[in-house]
Amino acid sequence: MSAHKAYPGSCHCGDVKYQIRLKFPPIMERGGESIRIYKCNCTTCQKMGYFHCRPINPAEDFILTSPATIEELGDYRTFSKKQGWYFCKKCGVRIVGLGGDWERAELDVEHWAGAKEEADPGKLQQVWKTKATTITTKENGKDETKPFHYLSVNAVTLEPGEDIDLKKWHENGWIFYVENLDKKNGTQLRVSEPFKGGMY
């Protein structure tokens, strides 16, 4: 198993840049502490052509290094509006889905990415990280407030490399296909093939 490693990603024009820490290979059993790679057949994911890649710890394993402000990103919200599907306003590429809040941070990106052992105060730069928000849902007829933190990058925006080989991910059986269109039996997962309406 590889170590936690930082991988860069960007939109097509390069205006939006990020880094995400991932650990390969993913654990394919439910409940294991692992990155998650999947394709969902819901109408939102299908219409956007979204290929999910989720880190183990969204608060610590993702940084947005460009643009300078979140307002420079497009933000599309569906249904409950609790998740933003962020995209580059210049080239239109969808980058990241976030259910949570953005927060400004100063850090040495090379140190964060594991390229050097100690942070250099002279190399601190402004980045955006994410943090949990709170949501209220109905449970057994009562309002329940709980923390909510969802983060998924669009895997097609990761820069290709040794570990970032989407064909290899398929060949290795690392991609879950998710049933979220017909929820009569709840959310279902499998690795063999997409559910109805889903994409390979």
N, C-alpha and C. Protein backbone atom coordinates (compact mmCIF):
# COMPACT_ATOMS: atom_id res chain seq x y z
N MET A 1 0.85 -1.18 0.00
CA MET A 1 0.00 0.00 0.00
C MET A 1 0.89 1.23 0.00
N SER A 2 0.53 2.22 -0.81
CA SER A 2 1.32 3.44 -0.89
C SER A 2 1.04 4.34 0.29
N ALA A 3 1.92 5.30 0.50
CA ALA A 3 1.72 6.29 1.55
C ALA A 3 0.74 7.35 1.06
N HIS A 4 0.23 8.11 2.02
CA HIS A 4 -0.57 9.29 1.69
C HIS A 4 0.30 10.20 0.84
N LYS A 5 -0.19 10.62 -0.31
CA LYS A 5 0.60 11.42 -1.23
C LYS A 5 -0.28 12.51 -1.83
N ALA A 6 0.32 13.68 -2.10
CA ALA A 6 -0.43 14.80 -2.68
C ALA A 6 -0.37 14.74 -4.20
N TYR A 7 -1.52 14.98 -4.82
CA TYR A 7 -1.64 14.98 -6.27
C TYR A 7 -2.26 16.29 -6.73
N PRO A 8 -1.71 16.90 -7.79
CA PRO A 8 -2.28 18.16 -8.27
C PRO A 8 -3.43 17.93 -9.23
N GLY A 9 -4.30 18.93 -9.33
CA GLY A 9 -5.38 18.91 -10.29
C GLY A 9 -5.72 20.32 -10.72
N SER A 10 -6.41 20.42 -11.84
CA SER A 10 -6.77 21.75 -12.35
C SER A 10 -7.92 21.63 -13.35
N CYS A 11 -8.51 22.78 -13.66
CA CYS A 11 -9.47 22.85 -14.74
C CYS A 11 -8.71 22.83 -16.07
N HIS A 12 -9.40 22.95 -17.18
CA HIS A 12 -8.75 22.88 -18.50
C HIS A 12 -7.86 24.09 -18.76
N CYS A 13 -8.34 25.29 -18.40
CA CYS A 13 -7.56 26.50 -18.70
C CYS A 13 -6.49 26.78 -17.65
N GLY A 14 -6.54 26.08 -16.51
CA GLY A 14 -5.53 26.25 -15.46
C GLY A 14 -5.82 27.36 -14.47
N ASP A 15 -6.98 28.01 -14.59
CA ASP A 15 -7.31 29.09 -13.66
C ASP A 15 -7.62 28.55 -12.26
N VAL A 16 -8.18 27.35 -12.19
CA VAL A 16 -8.48 26.70 -10.91
C VAL A 16 -7.47 25.58 -10.69
N LYS A 17 -6.80 25.65 -9.53
CA LYS A 17 -5.79 24.62 -9.20
C LYS A 17 -6.02 24.15 -7.77
N TYR A 18 -5.75 22.87 -7.56
CA TYR A 18 -5.89 22.30 -6.22
C TYR A 18 -4.86 21.20 -6.04
N GLN A 19 -4.75 20.73 -4.79
CA GLN A 19 -4.00 19.51 -4.49
C GLN A 19 -4.86 18.67 -3.54
N ILE A 20 -4.76 17.36 -3.71
CA ILE A 20 -5.52 16.43 -2.86
C ILE A 20 -4.59 15.31 -2.43
N ARG A 21 -4.66 14.94 -1.16
CA ARG A 21 -3.85 13.82 -0.67
C ARG A 21 -4.69 12.55 -0.74
N LEU A 22 -4.12 11.54 -1.40
CA LEU A 22 -4.80 10.26 -1.60
C LEU A 22 -3.88 9.12 -1.20
N LYS A 23 -4.47 8.00 -0.86
CA LYS A 23 -3.71 6.80 -0.51
C LYS A 23 -4.23 5.64 -1.33
N PHE A 24 -3.35 5.10 -2.18
CA PHE A 24 -3.71 3.97 -3.06
C PHE A 24 -3.13 2.67 -2.53
N PRO A 25 -3.78 1.54 -2.79
CA PRO A 25 -5.07 1.40 -3.46
C PRO A 25 -6.22 1.65 -2.49
N PRO A 26 -7.42 1.94 -3.02
CA PRO A 26 -8.57 2.08 -2.13
C PRO A 26 -8.94 0.74 -1.51
N ILE A 27 -9.56 0.80 -0.35
CA ILE A 27 -10.11 -0.40 0.30
C ILE A 27 -11.52 -0.57 -0.24
N MET A 28 -11.81 -1.72 -0.80
CA MET A 28 -13.07 -1.91 -1.51
C MET A 28 -14.21 -2.43 -0.64
N GLU A 29 -13.98 -2.65 0.64
CA GLU A 29 -15.08 -3.04 1.53
C GLU A 29 -15.71 -1.79 2.12
N ARG A 30 -17.01 -1.86 2.37
CA ARG A 30 -17.69 -0.74 3.03
C ARG A 30 -17.13 -0.54 4.43
N GLY A 31 -17.03 0.73 4.82
CA GLY A 31 -16.66 1.04 6.20
C GLY A 31 -15.18 1.17 6.45
N GLY A 32 -14.32 0.73 5.52
CA GLY A 32 -12.88 0.88 5.72
C GLY A 32 -12.45 2.33 5.55
N GLU A 33 -11.41 2.74 6.29
CA GLU A 33 -10.90 4.11 6.14
C GLU A 33 -10.10 4.18 4.84
N SER A 34 -10.68 4.79 3.84
CA SER A 34 -10.10 4.73 2.50
C SER A 34 -10.57 5.89 1.65
N ILE A 35 -9.79 6.19 0.62
CA ILE A 35 -10.31 7.06 -0.42
C ILE A 35 -11.48 6.33 -1.08
N ARG A 36 -12.34 7.08 -1.76
CA ARG A 36 -13.46 6.48 -2.46
C ARG A 36 -13.46 6.97 -3.91
N ILE A 37 -13.51 6.04 -4.84
CA ILE A 37 -13.56 6.35 -6.26
C ILE A 37 -14.85 5.74 -6.79
N TYR A 38 -15.73 6.56 -7.36
CA TYR A 38 -17.00 6.00 -7.81
C TYR A 38 -17.68 6.86 -8.86
N LYS A 39 -18.62 6.22 -9.55
CA LYS A 39 -19.49 6.90 -10.51
C LYS A 39 -20.93 6.62 -10.09
N CYS A 40 -21.69 7.67 -10.02
CA CYS A 40 -23.07 7.61 -9.52
C CYS A 40 -24.03 7.78 -10.70
N ASN A 41 -25.18 7.10 -10.64
CA ASN A 41 -26.14 7.20 -11.74
C ASN A 41 -27.25 8.21 -11.49
N CYS A 42 -27.14 9.06 -10.46
CA CYS A 42 -28.17 10.09 -10.24
C CYS A 42 -28.13 11.09 -11.39
N THR A 43 -29.21 11.83 -11.56
CA THR A 43 -29.29 12.76 -12.69
C THR A 43 -28.24 13.86 -12.60
N THR A 44 -27.92 14.31 -11.40
CA THR A 44 -26.90 15.37 -11.24
C THR A 44 -25.55 14.88 -11.74
N CYS A 45 -25.08 13.74 -11.24
CA CYS A 45 -23.76 13.22 -11.62
C CYS A 45 -23.72 12.84 -13.09
N GLN A 46 -24.81 12.25 -13.60
CA GLN A 46 -24.84 11.85 -15.00
C GLN A 46 -24.76 13.05 -15.93
N LYS A 47 -25.57 14.08 -15.67
CA LYS A 47 -25.58 15.26 -16.55
C LYS A 47 -24.26 16.01 -16.49
N MET A 48 -23.63 16.00 -15.30
CA MET A 48 -22.34 16.70 -15.17
C MET A 48 -21.18 15.85 -15.65
N GLY A 49 -21.38 14.54 -15.83
CA GLY A 49 -20.28 13.65 -16.18
C GLY A 49 -19.26 13.57 -15.06
N TYR A 50 -19.74 13.51 -13.82
CA TYR A 50 -18.86 13.61 -12.66
C TYR A 50 -18.28 12.25 -12.26
N PHE A 51 -16.98 12.21 -12.08
CA PHE A 51 -16.24 11.00 -11.69
C PHE A 51 -15.66 11.29 -10.30
N HIS A 52 -16.29 10.74 -9.27
CA HIS A 52 -15.97 11.09 -7.89
C HIS A 52 -14.65 10.48 -7.40
N CYS A 53 -13.87 11.30 -6.72
CA CYS A 53 -12.67 10.86 -6.02
C CYS A 53 -12.65 11.60 -4.69
N ARG A 54 -12.86 10.86 -3.60
CA ARG A 54 -13.00 11.48 -2.28
C ARG A 54 -11.84 11.09 -1.37
N PRO A 55 -11.26 12.08 -0.70
CA PRO A 55 -10.15 11.80 0.21
C PRO A 55 -10.64 11.19 1.52
N ILE A 56 -9.71 10.70 2.31
CA ILE A 56 -10.06 10.13 3.62
C ILE A 56 -10.54 11.22 4.57
N ASN A 57 -9.81 12.34 4.61
CA ASN A 57 -10.14 13.43 5.54
C ASN A 57 -10.31 14.72 4.75
N PRO A 58 -11.55 15.12 4.45
CA PRO A 58 -11.75 16.30 3.59
C PRO A 58 -11.19 17.59 4.18
N ALA A 59 -11.16 17.71 5.50
CA ALA A 59 -10.64 18.94 6.12
C ALA A 59 -9.13 19.07 5.98
N GLU A 60 -8.43 17.94 5.95
CA GLU A 60 -6.96 17.98 5.94
C GLU A 60 -6.33 17.59 4.61
N ASP A 61 -7.07 16.90 3.75
CA ASP A 61 -6.47 16.30 2.56
C ASP A 61 -6.76 17.04 1.26
N PHE A 62 -7.31 18.25 1.33
CA PHE A 62 -7.61 19.01 0.12
C PHE A 62 -7.30 20.48 0.34
N ILE A 63 -6.62 21.10 -0.64
CA ILE A 63 -6.41 22.55 -0.63
C ILE A 63 -6.66 23.09 -2.03
N LEU A 64 -7.31 24.23 -2.09
CA LEU A 64 -7.51 24.96 -3.34
C LEU A 64 -6.48 26.08 -3.36
N THR A 65 -5.59 26.08 -4.34
CA THR A 65 -4.50 27.06 -4.38
C THR A 65 -4.80 28.22 -5.34
N SER A 66 -5.78 28.07 -6.21
CA SER A 66 -6.16 29.12 -7.14
C SER A 66 -7.61 28.86 -7.56
N PRO A 67 -8.43 29.89 -7.70
CA PRO A 67 -8.17 31.32 -7.67
C PRO A 67 -8.06 31.87 -6.25
N ALA A 68 -7.88 33.19 -6.17
CA ALA A 68 -7.65 33.84 -4.88
C ALA A 68 -8.91 33.89 -4.03
N THR A 69 -10.09 33.96 -4.65
CA THR A 69 -11.34 34.03 -3.90
C THR A 69 -12.31 32.96 -4.39
N ILE A 70 -13.16 32.50 -3.50
CA ILE A 70 -14.16 31.49 -3.85
C ILE A 70 -15.19 32.08 -4.81
N GLU A 71 -15.43 33.38 -4.73
CA GLU A 71 -16.40 34.03 -5.61
C GLU A 71 -16.01 33.95 -7.08
N GLU A 72 -14.74 33.67 -7.35
CA GLU A 72 -14.29 33.54 -8.74
C GLU A 72 -14.68 32.19 -9.34
N LEU A 73 -15.17 31.27 -8.49
CA LEU A 73 -15.65 29.97 -8.97
C LEU A 73 -17.14 30.04 -9.25
N GLY A 74 -17.60 29.28 -10.24
CA GLY A 74 -19.03 29.08 -10.40
C GLY A 74 -19.50 28.09 -9.36
N ASP A 75 -20.73 28.23 -8.89
CA ASP A 75 -21.27 27.36 -7.84
C ASP A 75 -22.69 26.97 -8.22
N TYR A 76 -22.86 25.71 -8.62
CA TYR A 76 -24.18 25.21 -8.99
C TYR A 76 -24.71 24.34 -7.86
N ARG A 77 -25.97 24.60 -7.46
CA ARG A 77 -26.57 23.85 -6.35
C ARG A 77 -27.88 23.23 -6.80
N THR A 78 -28.09 21.96 -6.41
CA THR A 78 -29.31 21.26 -6.79
C THR A 78 -30.17 20.98 -5.57
N PHE A 79 -31.42 20.77 -5.79
CA PHE A 79 -32.38 20.25 -4.82
C PHE A 79 -32.27 20.92 -3.45
N SER A 80 -31.63 20.28 -2.45
CA SER A 80 -31.58 20.81 -1.09
C SER A 80 -30.63 21.99 -0.94
N LYS A 81 -29.79 22.23 -1.94
CA LYS A 81 -28.82 23.34 -1.95
C LYS A 81 -27.71 23.19 -0.92
N LYS A 82 -27.59 22.02 -0.29
CA LYS A 82 -26.57 21.87 0.76
C LYS A 82 -25.18 21.57 0.20
N GLN A 83 -25.10 21.21 -1.09
CA GLN A 83 -23.80 20.94 -1.70
C GLN A 83 -23.59 21.86 -2.89
N GLY A 84 -22.37 22.42 -2.98
CA GLY A 84 -22.01 23.23 -4.13
C GLY A 84 -21.19 22.40 -5.09
N TRP A 85 -21.50 22.49 -6.38
CA TRP A 85 -20.72 21.84 -7.43
C TRP A 85 -19.95 22.95 -8.13
N TYR A 86 -18.68 23.11 -7.74
CA TYR A 86 -17.90 24.27 -8.16
C TYR A 86 -17.21 24.03 -9.50
N PHE A 87 -17.19 25.08 -10.32
CA PHE A 87 -16.61 24.96 -11.65
C PHE A 87 -15.88 26.25 -12.02
N CYS A 88 -15.00 26.13 -13.01
CA CYS A 88 -14.25 27.28 -13.50
C CYS A 88 -15.17 28.13 -14.38
N LYS A 89 -15.25 29.42 -14.08
CA LYS A 89 -16.10 30.31 -14.86
C LYS A 89 -15.52 30.59 -16.25
N LYS A 90 -14.22 30.33 -16.43
CA LYS A 90 -13.60 30.60 -17.73
C LYS A 90 -13.77 29.44 -18.70
N CYS A 91 -13.44 28.20 -18.27
CA CYS A 91 -13.50 27.07 -19.20
C CYS A 91 -14.68 26.14 -18.93
N GLY A 92 -15.38 26.31 -17.80
CA GLY A 92 -16.58 25.55 -17.52
C GLY A 92 -16.38 24.18 -16.89
N VAL A 93 -15.12 23.77 -16.64
CA VAL A 93 -14.86 22.43 -16.09
C VAL A 93 -15.26 22.36 -14.62
N ARG A 94 -16.00 21.30 -14.28
CA ARG A 94 -16.40 21.08 -12.87
C ARG A 94 -15.23 20.46 -12.12
N ILE A 95 -14.91 21.06 -10.99
CA ILE A 95 -13.71 20.69 -10.23
C ILE A 95 -14.03 19.91 -8.97
N VAL A 96 -14.90 20.47 -8.13
CA VAL A 96 -15.08 19.89 -6.80
C VAL A 96 -16.52 20.07 -6.34
N GLY A 97 -17.01 19.03 -5.65
CA GLY A 97 -18.29 19.11 -4.97
C GLY A 97 -18.03 19.25 -3.48
N LEU A 98 -18.69 20.22 -2.84
CA LEU A 98 -18.46 20.47 -1.41
C LEU A 98 -19.78 20.64 -0.68
N GLY A 99 -19.95 19.82 0.35
CA GLY A 99 -20.98 20.03 1.35
C GLY A 99 -20.25 20.40 2.61
N GLY A 100 -20.13 21.67 2.88
CA GLY A 100 -19.33 22.19 3.98
C GLY A 100 -19.06 23.66 3.73
N ASP A 101 -18.08 24.20 4.43
CA ASP A 101 -17.72 25.60 4.29
C ASP A 101 -16.27 25.73 3.87
N TRP A 102 -15.99 26.82 3.17
CA TRP A 102 -14.61 27.16 2.82
C TRP A 102 -13.99 27.96 3.96
N GLU A 103 -12.68 27.77 4.18
CA GLU A 103 -11.97 28.61 5.13
C GLU A 103 -10.58 28.92 4.60
N ARG A 104 -10.15 30.16 4.81
CA ARG A 104 -8.85 30.62 4.38
C ARG A 104 -7.79 30.05 5.31
N ALA A 105 -6.64 29.68 4.76
CA ALA A 105 -5.53 29.17 5.57
C ALA A 105 -4.22 29.65 4.95
N GLU A 106 -3.20 29.74 5.78
CA GLU A 106 -1.85 30.05 5.31
C GLU A 106 -0.99 28.83 5.59
N LEU A 107 -0.36 28.30 4.57
CA LEU A 107 0.52 27.16 4.81
C LEU A 107 1.61 27.08 3.76
N ASP A 108 2.64 26.33 4.09
CA ASP A 108 3.72 26.02 3.17
C ASP A 108 3.24 24.81 2.36
N VAL A 109 2.86 25.04 1.11
CA VAL A 109 2.24 24.00 0.29
C VAL A 109 3.18 22.82 0.08
N GLU A 110 4.47 23.07 -0.11
CA GLU A 110 5.43 21.96 -0.30
C GLU A 110 5.50 21.09 0.94
N HIS A 111 5.48 21.69 2.12
CA HIS A 111 5.48 20.93 3.37
C HIS A 111 4.18 20.14 3.49
N TRP A 112 3.05 20.79 3.22
CA TRP A 112 1.74 20.12 3.28
C TRP A 112 1.72 18.91 2.35
N ALA A 113 2.34 19.06 1.16
CA ALA A 113 2.35 17.98 0.17
C ALA A 113 3.38 16.90 0.47
N GLY A 114 4.20 17.09 1.52
CA GLY A 114 5.18 16.09 1.89
C GLY A 114 6.49 16.17 1.15
N ALA A 115 6.71 17.28 0.44
CA ALA A 115 7.95 17.44 -0.33
C ALA A 115 9.13 17.85 0.54
N LYS A 116 8.86 18.31 1.76
CA LYS A 116 9.94 18.64 2.70
C LYS A 116 9.43 18.44 4.12
N GLU A 117 10.40 18.21 5.04
CA GLU A 117 10.02 17.83 6.40
C GLU A 117 9.45 18.97 7.23
N GLU A 118 10.03 20.16 7.13
CA GLU A 118 9.58 21.26 7.98
C GLU A 118 9.01 22.39 7.16
N ALA A 119 7.99 23.06 7.74
CA ALA A 119 7.40 24.22 7.08
C ALA A 119 8.35 25.40 7.16
N ASP A 120 8.39 26.20 6.12
CA ASP A 120 9.22 27.41 6.05
C ASP A 120 8.28 28.61 6.17
N PRO A 121 8.39 29.39 7.28
CA PRO A 121 7.50 30.55 7.46
C PRO A 121 7.58 31.54 6.30
N GLY A 122 8.71 31.57 5.62
CA GLY A 122 8.88 32.48 4.49
C GLY A 122 8.17 32.00 3.23
N LYS A 123 7.70 30.75 3.24
CA LYS A 123 7.05 30.18 2.05
C LYS A 123 5.55 29.99 2.24
N LEU A 124 4.99 30.63 3.27
CA LEU A 124 3.56 30.49 3.50
C LEU A 124 2.77 31.16 2.38
N GLN A 125 1.70 30.51 1.95
CA GLN A 125 0.84 31.12 0.95
C GLN A 125 -0.61 30.92 1.34
N GLN A 126 -1.47 31.79 0.82
CA GLN A 126 -2.90 31.71 1.10
C GLN A 126 -3.51 30.58 0.25
N VAL A 127 -4.25 29.72 0.90
CA VAL A 127 -4.98 28.65 0.22
C VAL A 127 -6.39 28.59 0.82
N TRP A 128 -7.24 27.80 0.20
CA TRP A 128 -8.56 27.52 0.75
C TRP A 128 -8.63 26.06 1.17
N LYS A 129 -9.10 25.83 2.40
CA LYS A 129 -9.38 24.49 2.90
C LYS A 129 -10.89 24.39 3.12
N THR A 130 -11.35 23.22 3.52
CA THR A 130 -12.78 23.06 3.78
C THR A 130 -12.99 22.61 5.22
N LYS A 131 -14.17 22.90 5.72
CA LYS A 131 -14.52 22.47 7.08
C LYS A 131 -15.99 22.08 7.11
N ALA A 132 -16.35 21.34 8.13
CA ALA A 132 -17.72 20.87 8.27
C ALA A 132 -18.67 22.04 8.51
N THR A 133 -19.89 21.87 8.06
CA THR A 133 -20.97 22.78 8.39
C THR A 133 -21.99 21.99 9.20
N THR A 134 -23.07 22.59 9.61
CA THR A 134 -24.12 21.85 10.30
C THR A 134 -25.37 21.83 9.44
N ILE A 135 -26.06 20.72 9.47
CA ILE A 135 -27.33 20.61 8.75
C ILE A 135 -28.38 20.07 9.72
N THR A 136 -29.62 20.44 9.45
CA THR A 136 -30.74 19.97 10.27
C THR A 136 -31.62 19.07 9.41
N THR A 137 -31.87 17.87 9.92
CA THR A 137 -32.73 16.92 9.23
C THR A 137 -33.80 16.41 10.19
N LYS A 138 -34.85 15.84 9.62
CA LYS A 138 -35.91 15.23 10.44
C LYS A 138 -35.56 13.78 10.70
N GLU A 139 -35.51 13.39 11.98
CA GLU A 139 -35.27 12.00 12.36
C GLU A 139 -36.31 11.62 13.39
N ASN A 140 -37.13 10.63 13.06
CA ASN A 140 -38.22 10.19 13.94
C ASN A 140 -39.13 11.35 14.35
N GLY A 141 -39.41 12.23 13.36
CA GLY A 141 -40.32 13.35 13.61
C GLY A 141 -39.69 14.53 14.34
N LYS A 142 -38.40 14.45 14.67
CA LYS A 142 -37.74 15.55 15.40
C LYS A 142 -36.62 16.12 14.54
N ASP A 143 -36.36 17.42 14.74
CA ASP A 143 -35.24 18.06 14.06
C ASP A 143 -33.93 17.62 14.71
N GLU A 144 -33.00 17.14 13.90
CA GLU A 144 -31.69 16.73 14.38
C GLU A 144 -30.63 17.57 13.67
N THR A 145 -29.77 18.22 14.44
CA THR A 145 -28.68 19.01 13.87
C THR A 145 -27.39 18.24 14.04
N LYS A 146 -26.65 18.10 12.94
CA LYS A 146 -25.40 17.35 13.00
C LYS A 146 -24.39 17.94 12.03
N PRO A 147 -23.08 17.64 12.25
CA PRO A 147 -22.06 18.14 11.32
C PRO A 147 -22.15 17.43 9.98
N PHE A 148 -21.81 18.15 8.93
CA PHE A 148 -21.86 17.59 7.58
C PHE A 148 -20.63 18.09 6.82
N HIS A 149 -19.86 17.15 6.27
CA HIS A 149 -18.66 17.51 5.50
C HIS A 149 -18.48 16.50 4.38
N TYR A 150 -18.78 16.94 3.18
CA TYR A 150 -18.67 16.10 1.98
C TYR A 150 -17.73 16.81 1.01
N LEU A 151 -16.73 16.10 0.50
CA LEU A 151 -15.85 16.68 -0.50
C LEU A 151 -15.50 15.62 -1.54
N SER A 152 -15.68 15.97 -2.81
CA SER A 152 -15.36 15.05 -3.90
C SER A 152 -14.78 15.84 -5.06
N VAL A 153 -13.56 15.50 -5.48
CA VAL A 153 -13.03 16.14 -6.68
C VAL A 153 -13.45 15.33 -7.89
N ASN A 154 -13.54 16.01 -9.03
CA ASN A 154 -13.83 15.34 -10.28
C ASN A 154 -12.53 14.70 -10.76
N ALA A 155 -12.46 13.38 -10.73
CA ALA A 155 -11.20 12.66 -11.01
C ALA A 155 -10.60 13.01 -12.36
N VAL A 156 -11.42 13.40 -13.33
CA VAL A 156 -10.88 13.74 -14.64
C VAL A 156 -10.08 15.04 -14.62
N THR A 157 -10.13 15.79 -13.49
CA THR A 157 -9.34 17.02 -13.38
C THR A 157 -7.99 16.79 -12.70
N LEU A 158 -7.73 15.56 -12.22
CA LEU A 158 -6.42 15.24 -11.66
C LEU A 158 -5.40 15.16 -12.78
N GLU A 159 -4.17 15.64 -12.52
CA GLU A 159 -3.13 15.58 -13.54
C GLU A 159 -2.68 14.12 -13.68
N PRO A 160 -2.59 13.61 -14.92
CA PRO A 160 -2.19 12.21 -15.12
C PRO A 160 -0.80 11.92 -14.57
N GLY A 161 -0.62 10.71 -14.07
CA GLY A 161 0.67 10.29 -13.53
C GLY A 161 0.63 8.82 -13.21
N GLU A 162 1.65 8.34 -12.50
CA GLU A 162 1.76 6.91 -12.21
C GLU A 162 0.53 6.37 -11.49
N ASP A 163 0.09 7.07 -10.43
CA ASP A 163 -1.09 6.62 -9.68
C ASP A 163 -2.38 7.12 -10.30
N ILE A 164 -2.31 8.24 -11.01
CA ILE A 164 -3.51 8.85 -11.59
C ILE A 164 -3.63 8.38 -13.03
N ASP A 165 -4.03 7.14 -13.18
CA ASP A 165 -4.24 6.51 -14.46
C ASP A 165 -5.66 5.94 -14.43
N LEU A 166 -6.62 6.68 -14.98
CA LEU A 166 -8.02 6.31 -14.83
C LEU A 166 -8.34 4.97 -15.50
N LYS A 167 -7.63 4.63 -16.54
CA LYS A 167 -7.81 3.32 -17.18
C LYS A 167 -7.38 2.20 -16.21
N LYS A 168 -6.24 2.43 -15.52
CA LYS A 168 -5.76 1.45 -14.55
C LYS A 168 -6.74 1.31 -13.39
N TRP A 169 -7.35 2.42 -12.96
CA TRP A 169 -8.34 2.35 -11.89
C TRP A 169 -9.46 1.38 -12.29
N HIS A 170 -9.89 1.47 -13.54
CA HIS A 170 -10.96 0.58 -14.03
C HIS A 170 -10.46 -0.87 -14.07
N GLU A 171 -9.29 -1.06 -14.66
CA GLU A 171 -8.74 -2.42 -14.80
C GLU A 171 -8.50 -3.08 -13.44
N ASN A 172 -8.14 -2.29 -12.43
CA ASN A 172 -7.88 -2.82 -11.09
C ASN A 172 -9.17 -3.05 -10.29
N GLY A 173 -10.31 -2.64 -10.83
CA GLY A 173 -11.58 -2.81 -10.10
C GLY A 173 -11.71 -1.88 -8.93
N TRP A 174 -11.14 -0.66 -9.04
CA TRP A 174 -11.17 0.30 -7.94
C TRP A 174 -12.37 1.23 -7.99
N ILE A 175 -13.18 1.13 -9.02
CA ILE A 175 -14.29 2.07 -9.19
C ILE A 175 -15.59 1.42 -8.73
N PHE A 176 -16.23 2.06 -7.74
CA PHE A 176 -17.57 1.64 -7.36
C PHE A 176 -18.57 2.27 -8.32
N TYR A 177 -19.60 1.52 -8.66
CA TYR A 177 -20.74 2.08 -9.37
C TYR A 177 -21.87 2.16 -8.35
N VAL A 178 -22.53 3.31 -8.29
CA VAL A 178 -23.49 3.60 -7.22
C VAL A 178 -24.89 3.75 -7.80
N GLU A 179 -25.85 3.10 -7.16
CA GLU A 179 -27.27 3.24 -7.51
C GLU A 179 -27.89 4.30 -6.63
N ASN A 180 -28.15 5.46 -7.20
CA ASN A 180 -28.81 6.54 -6.47
C ASN A 180 -30.02 7.07 -7.23
N LEU A 181 -30.34 6.44 -8.35
CA LEU A 181 -31.48 6.87 -9.17
C LEU A 181 -32.76 6.23 -8.68
N ASP A 182 -32.70 4.93 -8.42
CA ASP A 182 -33.86 4.18 -7.93
C ASP A 182 -33.51 3.70 -6.53
N LYS A 183 -34.06 4.38 -5.52
CA LYS A 183 -33.67 4.09 -4.13
C LYS A 183 -34.66 3.20 -3.40
N LYS A 184 -35.44 2.40 -4.13
CA LYS A 184 -36.39 1.49 -3.46
C LYS A 184 -35.68 0.59 -2.47
N ASN A 185 -34.47 0.16 -2.81
CA ASN A 185 -33.70 -0.73 -1.93
C ASN A 185 -32.54 0.01 -1.27
N GLY A 186 -32.62 1.34 -1.20
CA GLY A 186 -31.53 2.13 -0.62
C GLY A 186 -30.38 2.27 -1.61
N THR A 187 -29.35 2.98 -1.21
CA THR A 187 -28.17 3.14 -2.06
C THR A 187 -27.45 1.81 -2.18
N GLN A 188 -27.12 1.42 -3.41
CA GLN A 188 -26.41 0.16 -3.66
C GLN A 188 -25.07 0.45 -4.32
N LEU A 189 -24.09 -0.43 -4.08
CA LEU A 189 -22.76 -0.31 -4.66
C LEU A 189 -22.38 -1.63 -5.33
N ARG A 190 -21.64 -1.53 -6.42
CA ARG A 190 -21.02 -2.71 -7.02
C ARG A 190 -19.83 -2.26 -7.86
N VAL A 191 -18.95 -3.19 -8.20
CA VAL A 191 -17.77 -2.84 -8.99
C VAL A 191 -17.83 -3.39 -10.41
N SER A 192 -18.78 -4.24 -10.70
CA SER A 192 -18.81 -4.91 -12.00
C SER A 192 -19.24 -4.02 -13.15
N GLU A 193 -20.30 -3.26 -12.96
CA GLU A 193 -20.84 -2.45 -14.04
C GLU A 193 -21.76 -1.38 -13.47
N PRO A 194 -22.01 -0.33 -14.26
CA PRO A 194 -22.93 0.73 -13.78
C PRO A 194 -24.34 0.20 -13.61
N PHE A 195 -25.10 0.89 -12.77
CA PHE A 195 -26.53 0.62 -12.66
C PHE A 195 -27.26 1.32 -13.81
N LYS A 196 -28.53 1.09 -13.95
CA LYS A 196 -29.33 1.64 -15.03
C LYS A 196 -29.09 3.15 -15.16
N GLY A 197 -28.80 3.58 -16.37
CA GLY A 197 -28.60 5.01 -16.62
C GLY A 197 -27.22 5.50 -16.28
N GLY A 198 -26.39 4.64 -15.68
CA GLY A 198 -25.05 5.05 -15.26
C GLY A 198 -24.05 4.93 -16.38
N MET A 199 -22.83 5.40 -16.13
CA MET A 199 -21.78 5.37 -17.16
C MET A 199 -20.57 4.61 -16.67
N TYR A 200 -19.87 3.98 -17.61
CA TYR A 200 -18.59 3.34 -17.30
C TYR A 200 -17.55 4.42 -17.08
